[in-house]
Amino acid sequence: MQYGNGTYLQLESGPFAARYVKGRAILPNGELRSLDFSGYGIPDTFFSVPCRVSLGGKKVRGWATVECVSGSTVYVDDSDPLVVKFFPFITLEEIDTNN
């Protein structure tokens, strides 16, 4: 499913699809990154899906969710579109991408 600002989530194919296989999300720093659902992809709650992104050659675990650009979970209109966001389990500052 396509969302705003170039983000998306793609379900596996088939009549009983319940797992995400591809996606792009916005990181807390505003970067747009591809999501890695290898070994994940099945929502663990109604609101989030475990996944990973690559940063500086390292895989960072976290979760993806859909919410408005403003952070609201309530969609009103296209002035605040729905987007996919990635939230790491640790802060981006804690990730040493130099080593």
C-alpha atoms as a PDB file:
ATOM      1  CA  MET A   1       0.000   0.000   0.000  1.00  0.00           C
ATOM      2  CA  GLN A   2       1.330   3.430  -0.977  1.00  0.00           C
ATOM      3  CA  TYR A   3       1.473   6.180   1.633  1.00  0.00           C
ATOM      4  CA  GLY A   4       2.707   9.769   1.501  1.00  0.00           C
ATOM      5  CA  ASN A   5       6.264  11.091   1.036  1.00  0.00           C
ATOM      6  CA  GLY A   6       7.466   8.020  -0.905  1.00  0.00           C
ATOM      7  CA  THR A   7       6.699   5.505   1.854  1.00  0.00           C
ATOM      8  CA  TYR A   8       4.939   2.163   1.391  1.00  0.00           C
ATOM      9  CA  LEU A   9       4.309  -1.296   2.838  1.00  0.00           C
ATOM     10  CA  GLN A  10       3.887  -4.348   0.605  1.00  0.00           C
ATOM     11  CA  LEU A  11       2.174  -7.533   1.783  1.00  0.00           C
ATOM     12  CA  GLU A  12       3.223 -10.945   0.536  1.00  0.00           C
ATOM     13  CA  SER A  13       1.049 -12.230  -2.279  1.00  0.00           C
ATOM     14  CA  GLY A  14      -1.730 -14.744  -1.835  1.00  0.00           C
ATOM     15  CA  PRO A  15      -5.216 -14.978  -0.423  1.00  0.00           C
ATOM     16  CA  PHE A  16      -4.021 -15.391   3.179  1.00  0.00           C
ATOM     17  CA  ALA A  17      -1.271 -12.752   3.133  1.00  0.00           C
ATOM     18  CA  ALA A  18      -0.412 -11.603   6.650  1.00  0.00           C
ATOM     19  CA  ARG A  19       3.295 -10.759   6.347  1.00  0.00           C
ATOM     20  CA  TYR A  20       5.006  -7.674   4.967  1.00  0.00           C
ATOM     21  CA  VAL A  21       7.852  -8.304   2.518  1.00  0.00           C
ATOM     22  CA  LYS A  22       8.935  -4.808   1.392  1.00  0.00           C
ATOM     23  CA  GLY A  23       8.633  -1.214   2.465  1.00  0.00           C
ATOM     24  CA  ARG A  24      10.140   2.254   2.760  1.00  0.00           C
ATOM     25  CA  ALA A  25       9.846   4.386   5.857  1.00  0.00           C
ATOM     26  CA  ILE A  26      10.911   7.697   7.322  1.00  0.00           C
ATOM     27  CA  LEU A  27      13.493   7.494  10.125  1.00  0.00           C
ATOM     28  CA  PRO A  28      13.375   9.816  13.166  1.00  0.00           C
ATOM     29  CA  ASN A  29      16.075  11.979  11.511  1.00  0.00           C
ATOM     30  CA  GLY A  30      13.906  12.409   8.389  1.00  0.00           C
ATOM     31  CA  GLU A  31      15.826  10.028   6.107  1.00  0.00           C
ATOM     32  CA  LEU A  32      13.872   7.698   3.839  1.00  0.00           C
ATOM     33  CA  ARG A  33      15.104   4.073   4.062  1.00  0.00           C
ATOM     34  CA  SER A  34      14.103   0.642   2.789  1.00  0.00           C
ATOM     35  CA  LEU A  35      12.743  -1.731   5.402  1.00  0.00           C
ATOM     36  CA  ASP A  36      14.122  -5.251   5.848  1.00  0.00           C
ATOM     37  CA  PHE A  37      11.487  -7.727   7.001  1.00  0.00           C
ATOM     38  CA  SER A  38      13.779 -10.815   6.854  1.00  0.00           C
ATOM     39  CA  GLY A  39      12.642 -13.082   9.667  1.00  0.00           C
ATOM     40  CA  TYR A  40      10.023 -10.509  10.627  1.00  0.00           C
ATOM     41  CA  GLY A  41       7.150  -8.923   8.768  1.00  0.00           C
ATOM     42  CA  ILE A  42       4.254 -10.206  10.851  1.00  0.00           C
ATOM     43  CA  PRO A  43       2.652  -7.425  12.922  1.00  0.00           C
ATOM     44  CA  ASP A  44       3.224  -7.951  16.642  1.00  0.00           C
ATOM     45  CA  THR A  45       0.452  -5.533  17.571  1.00  0.00           C
ATOM     46  CA  PHE A  46      -2.308  -3.777  15.680  1.00  0.00           C
ATOM     47  CA  PHE A  47      -0.034  -0.738  15.292  1.00  0.00           C
ATOM     48  CA  SER A  48       3.506  -1.995  14.634  1.00  0.00           C
ATOM     49  CA  VAL A  49       5.586  -4.411  12.564  1.00  0.00           C
ATOM     50  CA  PRO A  50       9.091  -5.541  13.631  1.00  0.00           C
ATOM     51  CA  CYS A  51      11.726  -4.831  10.968  1.00  0.00           C
ATOM     52  CA  ARG A  52      15.257  -3.518  10.358  1.00  0.00           C
ATOM     53  CA  VAL A  53      16.995  -0.810   8.359  1.00  0.00           C
ATOM     54  CA  SER A  54      20.621  -0.537   7.246  1.00  0.00           C
ATOM     55  CA  LEU A  55      22.626   2.411   8.552  1.00  0.00           C
ATOM     56  CA  GLY A  56      26.306   2.689   7.792  1.00  0.00           C
ATOM     57  CA  GLY A  57      26.508  -1.029   6.990  1.00  0.00           C
ATOM     58  CA  LYS A  58      24.809  -2.052  10.233  1.00  0.00           C
ATOM     59  CA  LYS A  59      21.347  -3.521  10.675  1.00  0.00           C
ATOM     60  CA  VAL A  60      19.275  -1.565  13.181  1.00  0.00           C
ATOM     61  CA  ARG A  61      16.251  -3.315  14.687  1.00  0.00           C
ATOM     62  CA  GLY A  62      13.020  -1.509  15.415  1.00  0.00           C
ATOM     63  CA  TRP A  63       9.448  -1.319  14.245  1.00  0.00           C
ATOM     64  CA  ALA A  64       7.413   0.331  11.506  1.00  0.00           C
ATOM     65  CA  THR A  65       4.060   1.998  11.983  1.00  0.00           C
ATOM     66  CA  VAL A  66       1.710   4.190   9.976  1.00  0.00           C
ATOM     67  CA  GLU A  67       0.787   7.618  11.265  1.00  0.00           C
ATOM     68  CA  CYS A  68       0.375  11.171   9.990  1.00  0.00           C
ATOM     69  CA  VAL A  69       3.445  13.298   9.240  1.00  0.00           C
ATOM     70  CA  SER A  70       2.623  15.353  12.345  1.00  0.00           C
ATOM     71  CA  GLY A  71       2.689  12.239  14.535  1.00  0.00           C
ATOM     72  CA  SER A  72      -1.075  12.026  14.913  1.00  0.00           C
ATOM     73  CA  THR A  73      -2.638   8.592  14.555  1.00  0.00           C
ATOM     74  CA  VAL A  74      -5.891  10.137  13.320  1.00  0.00           C
ATOM     75  CA  TYR A  75      -6.048  10.923   9.585  1.00  0.00           C
ATOM     76  CA  VAL A  76      -8.081  14.047   8.800  1.00  0.00           C
ATOM     77  CA  ASP A  77      -7.129  15.137   5.269  1.00  0.00           C
ATOM     78  CA  ASP A  78      -4.250  15.342   2.785  1.00  0.00           C
ATOM     79  CA  SER A  79      -2.722  18.373   4.522  1.00  0.00           C
ATOM     80  CA  ASP A  80      -1.288  15.858   7.050  1.00  0.00           C
ATOM     81  CA  PRO A  81      -0.811  12.644   5.001  1.00  0.00           C
ATOM     82  CA  LEU A  82      -0.326   9.135   6.348  1.00  0.00           C
ATOM     83  CA  VAL A  83       3.274   7.895   6.111  1.00  0.00           C
ATOM     84  CA  VAL A  84       5.246   4.837   7.224  1.00  0.00           C
ATOM     85  CA  LYS A  85       7.673   5.650  10.034  1.00  0.00           C
ATOM     86  CA  PHE A  86      10.507   3.536  11.461  1.00  0.00           C
ATOM     87  CA  PHE A  87      11.392   3.715  15.145  1.00  0.00           C
ATOM     88  CA  PRO A  88      14.668   2.052  16.249  1.00  0.00           C
ATOM     89  CA  PHE A  89      14.914   0.202  19.556  1.00  0.00           C
ATOM     90  CA  ILE A  90      17.907   2.454  20.329  1.00  0.00           C
ATOM     91  CA  THR A  91      18.436   6.090  19.378  1.00  0.00           C
ATOM     92  CA  LEU A  92      20.195   6.848  16.105  1.00  0.00           C
ATOM     93  CA  GLU A  93      22.912   8.656  18.089  1.00  0.00           C
ATOM     94  CA  GLU A  94      23.770   5.376  19.863  1.00  0.00           C
ATOM     95  CA  ILE A  95      24.572   3.667  16.558  1.00  0.00           C
ATOM     96  CA  ASP A  96      28.285   3.816  15.795  1.00  0.00           C
ATOM     97  CA  THR A  97      28.304   3.741  11.996  1.00  0.00           C
ATOM     98  CA  ASN A  98      32.042   4.441  11.805  1.00  0.00           C
ATOM     99  CA  ASN A  99      33.135   1.016  13.105  1.00  0.00           C
END
